Amino acid sequence: MYAMTAAHKTLPLGTYVRVKNLQNNREIDVRINDRGPFVRGRIIDLSYTGAKKLGIVGPGTAPVKITALGTPVQSKTKKGSIRSYVPLDYYKGNFTVQIGAFSDRNNAERLKQKLDLTYKNAHITIYNNGDETFYRVRVGRCSTLEKAIEYENKLIESGFEGAFAIAE
């Protein structure tokens, strides 16, 4: 909550991003350490500290520009150390589509069993945020973000309105 971190659905965990508030032009660099946001139309969830530095705490949301910087590399110089970033290919990797998230494992298991009848690679991932545990139900296995988004759209058309592509 008080670290300079954020949640993003598809960028690899550990990736640093630059976030610019388009309303006041403030910028911060944060590390992706979680998955989310789980609200359609939102692209990033900032920690309290990040949101405060960008001036978003009061309104709760703002239009932002996000630039993926990469994974950090520390270089030592005579004057100290300098952080630079190694960019990655953010469009290739392991992607699935999340259908739902439950605090009750039995509900997640029931949905997984239902999805097993029609979709490949139905599975549950477990996430604990420190206060509670969530059982996230996902389907599919795609090697590109483009294919995962196509799969997401098919699932939405099939009645799973809350489906969204996510990096595993």
Foldseek 3Di string as FASTA:
>chain_A
DQAFEKAFFQADFQWKKWKAFPVPRFIDIHGHHHHDDLDPPDGMGTDPNNCVSRVNVVVVDGDIDMDTQAHWDWDADPVGIDIHHDHDPSFFAKKWKWLDKDLDVVVLVVVLVVVVVPFAPWDWDWDDPPPGIMTITTTDIDGGPVVRQVVQVVVCVVPSVSMDMGHD
